Every structure is written in structure tokens, then in C-alpha cells.
Amino acid sequence: MQSGFLCYNGKFIAASEPILTADNRSFRYGDGCFETMRVYQGGILLADLHFERLMASLNLLHFDVPQHFTKAYFARLVAELCARNEHEQLTRVRLTVFRSDGGLYDPVNNLPNFILQSWDLNRQILELNASGLTLDIFPDVRKASDKYSFIKSNNCLPYVMAAMYAKQHRINEAVLLNPYGRVADTTIANLFIVQERQIITPPLSEGGVCGVMRKQLLRMELPFSVIEKPVTVADLETADEIFLTNAITGIRWVSTFRDISYSNATAVILHELIHEGL
């Protein structure tokens, strides 16, 4: 059980206190979305991108967003939560938003509720992984590629099953494919490949989550060409490098996909450039 405090709809309470009922719509239907943020000394890294994605998700899910749901409001709550939990250096914070109780599939109202939680992060997370990740395809699910695919939805069943598959098969990450058999993303990250000094990642229309670190990489001035283009399994097999991105770990390089090995020269450079920017 988590110790310390959490923030529920702006109020700080003991993390051990029960706050949800059996009618909770996130519990029942996965009705909501979430943000996972890296926080340093109480400040949210890439806060603009996190808040931009949050607002886009809430509007697409037809929430009635209150006027006080601003970046400054959530930044203040995050800073206070980290202080209360004595997470004064590097912290992982999760913001979970869900619709108010009531109704069956059709809700009674569209008011958002939220929970903020925090956990200490080891500073080792700032370093590029020394050992490359092992990767393979999750064969049991095809992730949808539609207008809701980019949202970090509270309904994470495909990712849960993919993570279980990875653990059972002793690999670090599993790749989720879209209905066309192309790469969407992985269990907890967006995927990039390097081919002839060109960095390629699937466009969001391929079904991947709109990752904050992915977006940061796409908007940075880099000594490489970075483009969005559909990625096939054959592209993974012929790539010079594969690396993964998310907001917590930044960049992690892949050493093996099936029986194919990869280098990490580009990932090393990008890791340094990203952390300089942060």
C-alpha cells in the first residue's frame, strides 16, 4: 500500500485512504485518461507538452473542463504533493482523470475528477541504459488506429497483456502492431528506428500514443533528419538502430529484436542532447 499523501480533486489526503466506489467510471469502463510526468525539484519537466496533451484528451473525450484546470493549477498541486511526500529531487507523478460516477455506458454528467500520486525516482533513470533492451512483437492484439488511439487512456488492457507477454517471454518490451500489421508503439514507449542517419517514427495515425518525449524529439533542432513514416516489421529487421522514448526514462536503446543485433551511436547522441535541453 502506498504511504504518504495523494491529491484527490485538489485536496491532500493519506494515500492509504479509500476514495473510489464500485460505481467509479474508470474502474467500470476505463473512462478517462492519465499523464505520467517526470518532476525535478518540484517542477514538471516538459510541462507545456503534458498540459497540451491533457487538454486535447479531455476535450476529445467530451469532458466539461473546469476553468481552474490550468497548467499553473496542476503545477502547484504537483509541487505541494512532492513536498508533502518529501520527494524533493527526482519524482514520478501520475495524474489520473476520470468522469464522475453514474450512468451505464452513457454518463450522467461529464465533470472530471482527478488523482495525483507521486513516487521517488532513482537518479540512475537519467543515465542511458548500459545494456540494450530486448524486443519482440506482441502477437495477440492489434491496436486500433483511430481518433482516440493517441490518448493515454485509463483502459490499458492491450498494454497490460503486452507487458505480461514480455515478462513471460523474458524480453524487456513488446511491440504492439496496428490493424495493418505495422508498428503502433510498445508497452510503455514510442518507437524510433534509424536508417542511414535518418530517424523515423510512426505517425500518430498508425495507432501509437502521443508521447511527450516523442513530441519533444520531433520539435528539437537535431543533427539528424527526423521524420514520421509508417514502420513495418521488415523495417525493424533492417534498421541500423532502434530506440524507445517516454517521459520518465527519456531514451532507451534496443540491442536485440528477435535474433538481430543493433548499435546505439545515435541514441547516445540524442540522450545527451535531450538531457541538455531539459
C-alpha atoms as a PDB file:
ATOM      1  CA  MET A   1       0.000   0.000   0.000  1.00  0.00           C
ATOM      2  CA  GLN A   2       1.315   3.441  -0.913  1.00  0.00           C
ATOM      3  CA  SER A   3       2.399   5.604   2.026  1.00  0.00           C
ATOM      4  CA  GLY A   4       2.400   9.374   2.289  1.00  0.00           C
ATOM      5  CA  PHE A   5      -0.161  11.555   0.574  1.00  0.00           C
ATOM      6  CA  LEU A   6      -2.092  11.814  -2.654  1.00  0.00           C
ATOM      7  CA  CYS A   7      -4.170  14.660  -4.056  1.00  0.00           C
ATOM      8  CA  TYR A   8      -7.836  13.973  -4.809  1.00  0.00           C
ATOM      9  CA  ASN A   9      -9.687  16.756  -6.606  1.00  0.00           C
ATOM     10  CA  GLY A  10      -7.341  19.347  -5.110  1.00  0.00           C
ATOM     11  CA  LYS A  11      -7.394  18.029  -1.521  1.00  0.00           C
ATOM     12  CA  PHE A  12      -4.446  16.241   0.066  1.00  0.00           C
ATOM     13  CA  ILE A  13      -5.296  13.056   1.929  1.00  0.00           C
ATOM     14  CA  ALA A  14      -3.443   9.984   3.185  1.00  0.00           C
ATOM     15  CA  ALA A  15      -2.573   7.709   0.261  1.00  0.00           C
ATOM     16  CA  SER A  16      -3.955   4.761   2.252  1.00  0.00           C
ATOM     17  CA  GLU A  17      -7.454   6.294   2.443  1.00  0.00           C
ATOM     18  CA  PRO A  18     -10.117   4.670   0.194  1.00  0.00           C
ATOM     19  CA  ILE A  19     -11.573   7.267  -2.168  1.00  0.00           C
ATOM     20  CA  LEU A  20     -13.279   5.365  -5.010  1.00  0.00           C
ATOM     21  CA  THR A  21     -16.582   3.484  -5.031  1.00  0.00           C
ATOM     22  CA  ALA A  22     -17.712   0.490  -7.063  1.00  0.00           C
ATOM     23  CA  ASP A  23     -19.521   2.983  -9.340  1.00  0.00           C
ATOM     24  CA  ASN A  24     -16.287   4.710 -10.339  1.00  0.00           C
ATOM     25  CA  ARG A  25     -16.310   5.031 -14.126  1.00  0.00           C
ATOM     26  CA  SER A  26     -12.595   4.483 -14.513  1.00  0.00           C
ATOM     27  CA  PHE A  27     -12.930   1.207 -12.603  1.00  0.00           C
ATOM     28  CA  ARG A  28     -16.029   0.188 -14.571  1.00  0.00           C
ATOM     29  CA  TYR A  29     -15.189   1.326 -18.077  1.00  0.00           C
ATOM     30  CA  GLY A  30     -11.692   2.807 -18.179  1.00  0.00           C
ATOM     31  CA  ASP A  31     -13.485   6.128 -18.734  1.00  0.00           C
ATOM     32  CA  GLY A  32     -10.715   8.695 -18.521  1.00  0.00           C
ATOM     33  CA  CYS A  33      -7.072   9.381 -19.246  1.00  0.00           C
ATOM     34  CA  PHE A  34      -3.784   9.911 -17.438  1.00  0.00           C
ATOM     35  CA  GLU A  35      -0.449  11.700 -17.576  1.00  0.00           C
ATOM     36  CA  THR A  36       2.817  10.306 -16.218  1.00  0.00           C
ATOM     37  CA  MET A  37       5.320  13.087 -15.565  1.00  0.00           C
ATOM     38  CA  ARG A  38       8.952  13.344 -14.553  1.00  0.00           C
ATOM     39  CA  VAL A  39       9.349  16.004 -11.872  1.00  0.00           C
ATOM     40  CA  TYR A  40      12.642  17.542 -10.756  1.00  0.00           C
ATOM     41  CA  GLN A  41      12.759  19.544  -7.515  1.00  0.00           C
ATOM     42  CA  GLY A  42       9.004  20.052  -7.667  1.00  0.00           C
ATOM     43  CA  GLY A  43       8.916  21.262 -11.279  1.00  0.00           C
ATOM     44  CA  ILE A  44       7.304  19.267 -14.108  1.00  0.00           C
ATOM     45  CA  LEU A  45       9.687  18.621 -16.981  1.00  0.00           C
ATOM     46  CA  LEU A  46       8.111  19.366 -20.386  1.00  0.00           C
ATOM     47  CA  ALA A  47       5.075  20.771 -18.562  1.00  0.00           C
ATOM     48  CA  ASP A  48       3.750  22.557 -21.664  1.00  0.00           C
ATOM     49  CA  LEU A  49       3.602  19.311 -23.640  1.00  0.00           C
ATOM     50  CA  HIS A  50       1.980  17.379 -20.799  1.00  0.00           C
ATOM     51  CA  PHE A  51      -0.724  20.014 -20.307  1.00  0.00           C
ATOM     52  CA  GLU A  52      -1.297  20.335 -24.054  1.00  0.00           C
ATOM     53  CA  ARG A  53      -1.859  16.567 -24.337  1.00  0.00           C
ATOM     54  CA  LEU A  54      -4.085  16.512 -21.244  1.00  0.00           C
ATOM     55  CA  MET A  55      -6.374  19.239 -22.593  1.00  0.00           C
ATOM     56  CA  ALA A  56      -6.533  17.627 -26.033  1.00  0.00           C
ATOM     57  CA  SER A  57      -7.521  14.303 -24.425  1.00  0.00           C
ATOM     58  CA  LEU A  58     -10.168  15.822 -22.138  1.00  0.00           C
ATOM     59  CA  ASN A  59     -11.767  17.729 -24.998  1.00  0.00           C
ATOM     60  CA  LEU A  60     -11.775  14.709 -27.304  1.00  0.00           C
ATOM     61  CA  LEU A  61     -13.389  12.631 -24.525  1.00  0.00           C
ATOM     62  CA  HIS A  62     -16.113  15.298 -24.097  1.00  0.00           C
ATOM     63  CA  PHE A  63     -15.268  16.299 -20.542  1.00  0.00           C
ATOM     64  CA  ASP A  64     -16.654  19.603 -19.280  1.00  0.00           C
ATOM     65  CA  VAL A  65     -13.284  21.076 -18.363  1.00  0.00           C
ATOM     66  CA  PRO A  66     -13.471  23.477 -15.384  1.00  0.00           C
ATOM     67  CA  GLN A  67     -11.904  26.914 -15.791  1.00  0.00           C
ATOM     68  CA  HIS A  68      -9.477  26.255 -12.936  1.00  0.00           C
ATOM     69  CA  PHE A  69      -7.937  23.284 -14.808  1.00  0.00           C
ATOM     70  CA  THR A  70      -4.885  25.262 -15.858  1.00  0.00           C
ATOM     71  CA  LYS A  71      -1.222  24.372 -16.156  1.00  0.00           C
ATOM     72  CA  ALA A  72      -0.446  26.623 -13.175  1.00  0.00           C
ATOM     73  CA  TYR A  73      -3.110  24.884 -11.056  1.00  0.00           C
ATOM     74  CA  PHE A  74      -1.732  21.393 -11.652  1.00  0.00           C
ATOM     75  CA  ALA A  75       1.884  22.567 -11.360  1.00  0.00           C
ATOM     76  CA  ARG A  76       1.118  23.992  -7.905  1.00  0.00           C
ATOM     77  CA  LEU A  77      -0.576  20.772  -6.774  1.00  0.00           C
ATOM     78  CA  VAL A  78       2.301  18.657  -8.081  1.00  0.00           C
ATOM     79  CA  ALA A  79       4.871  20.799  -6.254  1.00  0.00           C
ATOM     80  CA  GLU A  80       2.905  20.605  -2.992  1.00  0.00           C
ATOM     81  CA  LEU A  81       2.389  16.844  -3.301  1.00  0.00           C
ATOM     82  CA  CYS A  82       6.114  16.287  -3.838  1.00  0.00           C
ATOM     83  CA  ALA A  83       6.901  18.465  -0.824  1.00  0.00           C
ATOM     84  CA  ARG A  84       4.409  16.655   1.418  1.00  0.00           C
ATOM     85  CA  ASN A  85       5.821  13.283   0.352  1.00  0.00           C
ATOM     86  CA  GLU A  86       9.414  14.547   0.731  1.00  0.00           C
ATOM     87  CA  HIS A  87      10.096  13.763  -2.899  1.00  0.00           C
ATOM     88  CA  GLU A  88      12.467  16.670  -3.235  1.00  0.00           C
ATOM     89  CA  GLN A  89      14.699  15.570  -6.113  1.00  0.00           C
ATOM     90  CA  LEU A  90      13.584  13.290  -8.926  1.00  0.00           C
ATOM     91  CA  THR A  91       9.959  12.129  -8.841  1.00  0.00           C
ATOM     92  CA  ARG A  92       7.443  10.232 -10.933  1.00  0.00           C
ATOM     93  CA  VAL A  93       3.971  11.790 -10.748  1.00  0.00           C
ATOM     94  CA  ARG A  94       0.819  10.307 -12.215  1.00  0.00           C
ATOM     95  CA  LEU A  95      -2.288  12.404 -12.865  1.00  0.00           C
ATOM     96  CA  THR A  96      -5.359  10.226 -13.426  1.00  0.00           C
ATOM     97  CA  VAL A  97      -8.574  11.874 -14.659  1.00  0.00           C
ATOM     98  CA  PHE A  98     -11.952  10.129 -14.740  1.00  0.00           C
ATOM     99  CA  ARG A  99     -15.593  11.036 -15.293  1.00  0.00           C
ATOM    100  CA  SER A 100     -17.964  11.483 -12.356  1.00  0.00           C
ATOM    101  CA  ASP A 101     -19.852   8.421 -11.087  1.00  0.00           C
ATOM    102  CA  GLY A 102     -23.191   7.456 -12.562  1.00  0.00           C
ATOM    103  CA  GLY A 103     -24.815   6.072 -15.669  1.00  0.00           C
ATOM    104  CA  LEU A 104     -24.066   2.959 -17.663  1.00  0.00           C
ATOM    105  CA  TYR A 105     -22.025   3.459 -20.806  1.00  0.00           C
ATOM    106  CA  ASP A 106     -23.706   6.853 -21.198  1.00  0.00           C
ATOM    107  CA  PRO A 107     -22.630   9.100 -18.298  1.00  0.00           C
ATOM    108  CA  VAL A 108     -24.848  11.202 -16.060  1.00  0.00           C
ATOM    109  CA  ASN A 109     -22.517  14.172 -16.470  1.00  0.00           C
ATOM    110  CA  ASN A 110     -19.104  14.950 -17.899  1.00  0.00           C
ATOM    111  CA  LEU A 111     -17.388  16.513 -14.902  1.00  0.00           C
ATOM    112  CA  PRO A 112     -13.771  15.391 -14.416  1.00  0.00           C
ATOM    113  CA  ASN A 113     -12.351  14.074 -11.159  1.00  0.00           C
ATOM    114  CA  PHE A 114      -8.636  13.549 -10.660  1.00  0.00           C
ATOM    115  CA  ILE A 115      -5.998  11.878  -8.510  1.00  0.00           C
ATOM    116  CA  LEU A 116      -2.339  12.882  -8.251  1.00  0.00           C
ATOM    117  CA  GLN A 117       0.207  10.370  -6.914  1.00  0.00           C
ATOM    118  CA  SER A 118       3.990  10.582  -6.550  1.00  0.00           C
ATOM    119  CA  TRP A 119       6.915   8.161  -6.200  1.00  0.00           C
ATOM    120  CA  ASP A 120      10.658   8.691  -5.783  1.00  0.00           C
ATOM    121  CA  LEU A 121      12.786   8.022  -8.862  1.00  0.00           C
ATOM    122  CA  ASN A 122      16.343   6.742  -8.772  1.00  0.00           C
ATOM    123  CA  ARG A 123      18.761   9.199 -10.370  1.00  0.00           C
ATOM    124  CA  GLN A 124      20.050   6.275 -12.427  1.00  0.00           C
ATOM    125  CA  ILE A 125      16.983   6.869 -14.598  1.00  0.00           C
ATOM    126  CA  LEU A 126      18.836   9.897 -16.016  1.00  0.00           C
ATOM    127  CA  GLU A 127      21.527   7.683 -17.498  1.00  0.00           C
ATOM    128  CA  LEU A 128      21.290   5.908 -20.832  1.00  0.00           C
ATOM    129  CA  ASN A 129      20.706   2.201 -20.303  1.00  0.00           C
ATOM    130  CA  ALA A 130      24.053   0.401 -20.241  1.00  0.00           C
ATOM    131  CA  SER A 131      22.597  -2.854 -21.579  1.00  0.00           C
ATOM    132  CA  GLY A 132      20.397  -2.641 -24.646  1.00  0.00           C
ATOM    133  CA  LEU A 133      16.776  -3.727 -24.434  1.00  0.00           C
ATOM    134  CA  THR A 134      15.429  -6.917 -25.966  1.00  0.00           C
ATOM    135  CA  LEU A 135      12.349  -6.514 -28.121  1.00  0.00           C
ATOM    136  CA  ASP A 136       9.746  -8.657 -29.899  1.00  0.00           C
ATOM    137  CA  ILE A 137       6.220  -8.435 -31.323  1.00  0.00           C
ATOM    138  CA  PHE A 138       3.147  -8.966 -29.132  1.00  0.00           C
ATOM    139  CA  PRO A 139       1.106 -11.277 -31.394  1.00  0.00           C
ATOM    140  CA  ASP A 140      -2.265 -11.374 -29.587  1.00  0.00           C
ATOM    141  CA  VAL A 141      -3.640  -7.832 -30.098  1.00  0.00           C
ATOM    142  CA  ARG A 142      -3.894  -5.311 -32.907  1.00  0.00           C
ATOM    143  CA  LYS A 143      -4.112  -1.797 -31.514  1.00  0.00           C
ATOM    144  CA  ALA A 144      -6.782   0.407 -33.108  1.00  0.00           C
ATOM    145  CA  SER A 145      -5.668   3.346 -35.232  1.00  0.00           C
ATOM    146  CA  ASP A 146      -8.493   5.856 -34.859  1.00  0.00           C
ATOM    147  CA  LYS A 147      -9.159   9.336 -33.407  1.00  0.00           C
ATOM    148  CA  TYR A 148      -8.821   8.029 -29.823  1.00  0.00           C
ATOM    149  CA  SER A 149      -5.656   5.965 -30.282  1.00  0.00           C
ATOM    150  CA  PHE A 150      -3.233   8.717 -29.264  1.00  0.00           C
ATOM    151  CA  ILE A 151      -4.859   9.189 -25.820  1.00  0.00           C
ATOM    152  CA  LYS A 152      -3.223   7.710 -22.723  1.00  0.00           C
ATOM    153  CA  SER A 153      -6.480   6.009 -21.850  1.00  0.00           C
ATOM    154  CA  ASN A 154      -7.360   4.530 -18.450  1.00  0.00           C
ATOM    155  CA  ASN A 155      -8.371   1.458 -20.448  1.00  0.00           C
ATOM    156  CA  CYS A 156      -4.883  -0.051 -20.850  1.00  0.00           C
ATOM    157  CA  LEU A 157      -5.758  -3.721 -21.338  1.00  0.00           C
ATOM    158  CA  PRO A 158      -3.741  -4.202 -24.586  1.00  0.00           C
ATOM    159  CA  TYR A 159      -0.660  -2.771 -22.871  1.00  0.00           C
ATOM    160  CA  VAL A 160      -1.204  -4.849 -19.730  1.00  0.00           C
ATOM    161  CA  MET A 161      -1.358  -8.030 -21.776  1.00  0.00           C
ATOM    162  CA  ALA A 162       1.655  -6.975 -23.851  1.00  0.00           C
ATOM    163  CA  ALA A 163       3.654  -6.322 -20.659  1.00  0.00           C
ATOM    164  CA  MET A 164       2.667  -9.751 -19.337  1.00  0.00           C
ATOM    165  CA  TYR A 165       3.731 -11.316 -22.640  1.00  0.00           C
ATOM    166  CA  ALA A 166       7.109  -9.567 -22.405  1.00  0.00           C
ATOM    167  CA  LYS A 167       7.642 -10.827 -18.863  1.00  0.00           C
ATOM    168  CA  GLN A 168       6.623 -14.381 -19.754  1.00  0.00           C
ATOM    169  CA  HIS A 169       8.985 -14.428 -22.745  1.00  0.00           C
ATOM    170  CA  ARG A 170      11.840 -12.733 -20.872  1.00  0.00           C
ATOM    171  CA  ILE A 171      12.099  -9.700 -23.098  1.00  0.00           C
ATOM    172  CA  ASN A 172      12.180  -6.057 -21.985  1.00  0.00           C
ATOM    173  CA  GLU A 173       9.493  -4.618 -24.248  1.00  0.00           C
ATOM    174  CA  ALA A 174       6.790  -5.866 -26.601  1.00  0.00           C
ATOM    175  CA  VAL A 175       5.826  -4.046 -29.807  1.00  0.00           C
ATOM    176  CA  LEU A 176       2.115  -3.526 -30.483  1.00  0.00           C
ATOM    177  CA  LEU A 177       1.027  -3.588 -34.104  1.00  0.00           C
ATOM    178  CA  ASN A 178      -1.948  -1.802 -35.670  1.00  0.00           C
ATOM    179  CA  PRO A 179      -4.695  -3.489 -37.749  1.00  0.00           C
ATOM    180  CA  TYR A 180      -2.462  -3.277 -40.840  1.00  0.00           C
ATOM    181  CA  GLY A 181       0.400  -5.186 -39.205  1.00  0.00           C
ATOM    182  CA  ARG A 182       2.580  -2.069 -38.841  1.00  0.00           C
ATOM    183  CA  VAL A 183       4.172  -0.686 -35.666  1.00  0.00           C
ATOM    184  CA  ALA A 184       1.944   1.382 -33.353  1.00  0.00           C
ATOM    185  CA  ASP A 185       4.114   1.638 -30.211  1.00  0.00           C
ATOM    186  CA  THR A 186       5.373  -0.560 -27.353  1.00  0.00           C
ATOM    187  CA  THR A 187       4.065  -1.368 -23.882  1.00  0.00           C
ATOM    188  CA  ILE A 188       5.272   1.904 -22.327  1.00  0.00           C
ATOM    189  CA  ALA A 189       7.027   3.841 -25.074  1.00  0.00           C
ATOM    190  CA  ASN A 190       7.077   5.240 -28.583  1.00  0.00           C
ATOM    191  CA  LEU A 191       9.402   3.548 -31.053  1.00  0.00           C
ATOM    192  CA  PHE A 192      12.005   5.086 -33.368  1.00  0.00           C
ATOM    193  CA  ILE A 193      14.294   3.452 -35.902  1.00  0.00           C
ATOM    194  CA  VAL A 194      17.474   4.764 -37.505  1.00  0.00           C
ATOM    195  CA  GLN A 195      18.115   4.046 -41.173  1.00  0.00           C
ATOM    196  CA  GLU A 196      21.082   5.650 -42.963  1.00  0.00           C
ATOM    197  CA  ARG A 197      21.263   8.529 -40.421  1.00  0.00           C
ATOM    198  CA  GLN A 198      17.553   9.233 -40.799  1.00  0.00           C
ATOM    199  CA  ILE A 199      15.397   8.836 -37.679  1.00  0.00           C
ATOM    200  CA  ILE A 200      11.899   7.508 -38.334  1.00  0.00           C
ATOM    201  CA  THR A 201       8.877   7.105 -36.035  1.00  0.00           C
ATOM    202  CA  PRO A 202       5.321   6.033 -36.939  1.00  0.00           C
ATOM    203  CA  PRO A 203       2.833   8.921 -37.311  1.00  0.00           C
ATOM    204  CA  LEU A 204       0.058   9.018 -34.717  1.00  0.00           C
ATOM    205  CA  SER A 205      -2.380   7.844 -37.409  1.00  0.00           C
ATOM    206  CA  GLU A 206      -0.675   4.437 -37.052  1.00  0.00           C
ATOM    207  CA  GLY A 207      -2.204   3.997 -33.582  1.00  0.00           C
ATOM    208  CA  GLY A 208       0.566   4.983 -31.179  1.00  0.00           C
ATOM    209  CA  VAL A 209       0.137   7.119 -28.069  1.00  0.00           C
ATOM    210  CA  CYS A 210       1.039  10.795 -28.427  1.00  0.00           C
ATOM    211  CA  GLY A 211       4.162  10.575 -26.287  1.00  0.00           C
ATOM    212  CA  VAL A 212       5.540  13.744 -24.725  1.00  0.00           C
ATOM    213  CA  MET A 213       9.183  12.732 -25.244  1.00  0.00           C
ATOM    214  CA  ARG A 214       8.316  11.722 -28.813  1.00  0.00           C
ATOM    215  CA  LYS A 215       6.915  15.197 -29.445  1.00  0.00           C
ATOM    216  CA  GLN A 216       9.926  16.840 -27.828  1.00  0.00           C
ATOM    217  CA  LEU A 217      12.244  14.898 -30.113  1.00  0.00           C
ATOM    218  CA  LEU A 218      10.239  15.859 -33.201  1.00  0.00           C
ATOM    219  CA  ARG A 219      10.385  19.574 -32.377  1.00  0.00           C
ATOM    220  CA  MET A 220      14.084  19.766 -31.395  1.00  0.00           C
ATOM    221  CA  GLU A 221      16.814  21.016 -33.693  1.00  0.00           C
ATOM    222  CA  LEU A 222      18.965  17.937 -34.180  1.00  0.00           C
ATOM    223  CA  PRO A 223      21.958  16.961 -36.312  1.00  0.00           C
ATOM    224  CA  PHE A 224      19.741  14.271 -37.840  1.00  0.00           C
ATOM    225  CA  SER A 225      16.670  14.209 -40.042  1.00  0.00           C
ATOM    226  CA  VAL A 226      13.623  13.092 -38.012  1.00  0.00           C
ATOM    227  CA  ILE A 227      10.504  12.110 -39.947  1.00  0.00           C
ATOM    228  CA  GLU A 228       7.162  10.421 -39.365  1.00  0.00           C
ATOM    229  CA  LYS A 229       6.561   7.421 -41.611  1.00  0.00           C
ATOM    230  CA  PRO A 230       4.811   4.051 -41.181  1.00  0.00           C
ATOM    231  CA  VAL A 231       7.190   1.417 -39.824  1.00  0.00           C
ATOM    232  CA  THR A 232       6.834  -2.250 -40.752  1.00  0.00           C
ATOM    233  CA  VAL A 233       8.236  -5.326 -39.059  1.00  0.00           C
ATOM    234  CA  ALA A 234      10.620  -5.605 -42.021  1.00  0.00           C
ATOM    235  CA  ASP A 235      11.822  -2.056 -41.239  1.00  0.00           C
ATOM    236  CA  LEU A 236      12.650  -3.175 -37.699  1.00  0.00           C
ATOM    237  CA  GLU A 237      14.666  -6.054 -39.087  1.00  0.00           C
ATOM    238  CA  THR A 238      16.698  -3.852 -41.441  1.00  0.00           C
ATOM    239  CA  ALA A 239      17.180  -0.827 -39.161  1.00  0.00           C
ATOM    240  CA  ASP A 240      20.621   0.331 -38.057  1.00  0.00           C
ATOM    241  CA  GLU A 241      19.273   1.233 -34.617  1.00  0.00           C
ATOM    242  CA  ILE A 242      16.043   1.035 -32.635  1.00  0.00           C
ATOM    243  CA  PHE A 243      15.323   3.157 -29.582  1.00  0.00           C
ATOM    244  CA  LEU A 244      12.302   3.877 -27.377  1.00  0.00           C
ATOM    245  CA  THR A 245      11.140   7.112 -25.741  1.00  0.00           C
ATOM    246  CA  ASN A 246       8.884   8.088 -22.870  1.00  0.00           C
ATOM    247  CA  ALA A 247       8.625  10.953 -20.393  1.00  0.00           C
ATOM    248  CA  ILE A 248      10.144   9.076 -17.452  1.00  0.00           C
ATOM    249  CA  THR A 249      13.152   7.301 -18.959  1.00  0.00           C
ATOM    250  CA  GLY A 250      13.821   9.608 -21.915  1.00  0.00           C
ATOM    251  CA  ILE A 251      15.643   7.420 -24.447  1.00  0.00           C
ATOM    252  CA  ARG A 252      16.415   3.708 -24.129  1.00  0.00           C
ATOM    253  CA  TRP A 253      18.272   1.880 -26.862  1.00  0.00           C
ATOM    254  CA  VAL A 254      17.431  -1.590 -28.156  1.00  0.00           C
ATOM    255  CA  SER A 255      20.211  -4.133 -28.617  1.00  0.00           C
ATOM    256  CA  THR A 256      18.143  -7.069 -29.905  1.00  0.00           C
ATOM    257  CA  PHE A 257      14.959  -7.607 -31.891  1.00  0.00           C
ATOM    258  CA  ARG A 258      14.403 -11.338 -32.236  1.00  0.00           C
ATOM    259  CA  ASP A 259      17.851 -12.581 -33.338  1.00  0.00           C
ATOM    260  CA  ILE A 260      19.027  -9.259 -34.838  1.00  0.00           C
ATOM    261  CA  SER A 261      21.520  -7.014 -33.024  1.00  0.00           C
ATOM    262  CA  TYR A 262      21.750  -3.206 -33.150  1.00  0.00           C
ATOM    263  CA  SER A 263      24.193  -0.448 -32.281  1.00  0.00           C
ATOM    264  CA  ASN A 264      23.392   2.689 -30.261  1.00  0.00           C
ATOM    265  CA  ALA A 265      25.537   5.551 -31.613  1.00  0.00           C
ATOM    266  CA  THR A 266      22.558   7.776 -32.475  1.00  0.00           C
ATOM    267  CA  ALA A 267      20.793   7.023 -29.202  1.00  0.00           C
ATOM    268  CA  VAL A 268      23.891   8.083 -27.247  1.00  0.00           C
ATOM    269  CA  ILE A 269      23.975  11.470 -29.000  1.00  0.00           C
ATOM    270  CA  LEU A 270      20.215  12.039 -28.654  1.00  0.00           C
ATOM    271  CA  HIS A 271      20.272  11.129 -24.966  1.00  0.00           C
ATOM    272  CA  GLU A 272      22.856  13.842 -24.294  1.00  0.00           C
ATOM    273  CA  LEU A 273      21.014  16.431 -26.379  1.00  0.00           C
ATOM    274  CA  ILE A 274      17.670  15.725 -24.704  1.00  0.00           C
ATOM    275  CA  HIS A 275      19.070  15.999 -21.187  1.00  0.00           C
ATOM    276  CA  GLU A 276      20.870  19.221 -22.058  1.00  0.00           C
ATOM    277  CA  GLY A 277      17.520  20.592 -23.256  1.00  0.00           C
ATOM    278  CA  LEU A 278      15.733  19.548 -20.084  1.00  0.00           C
END
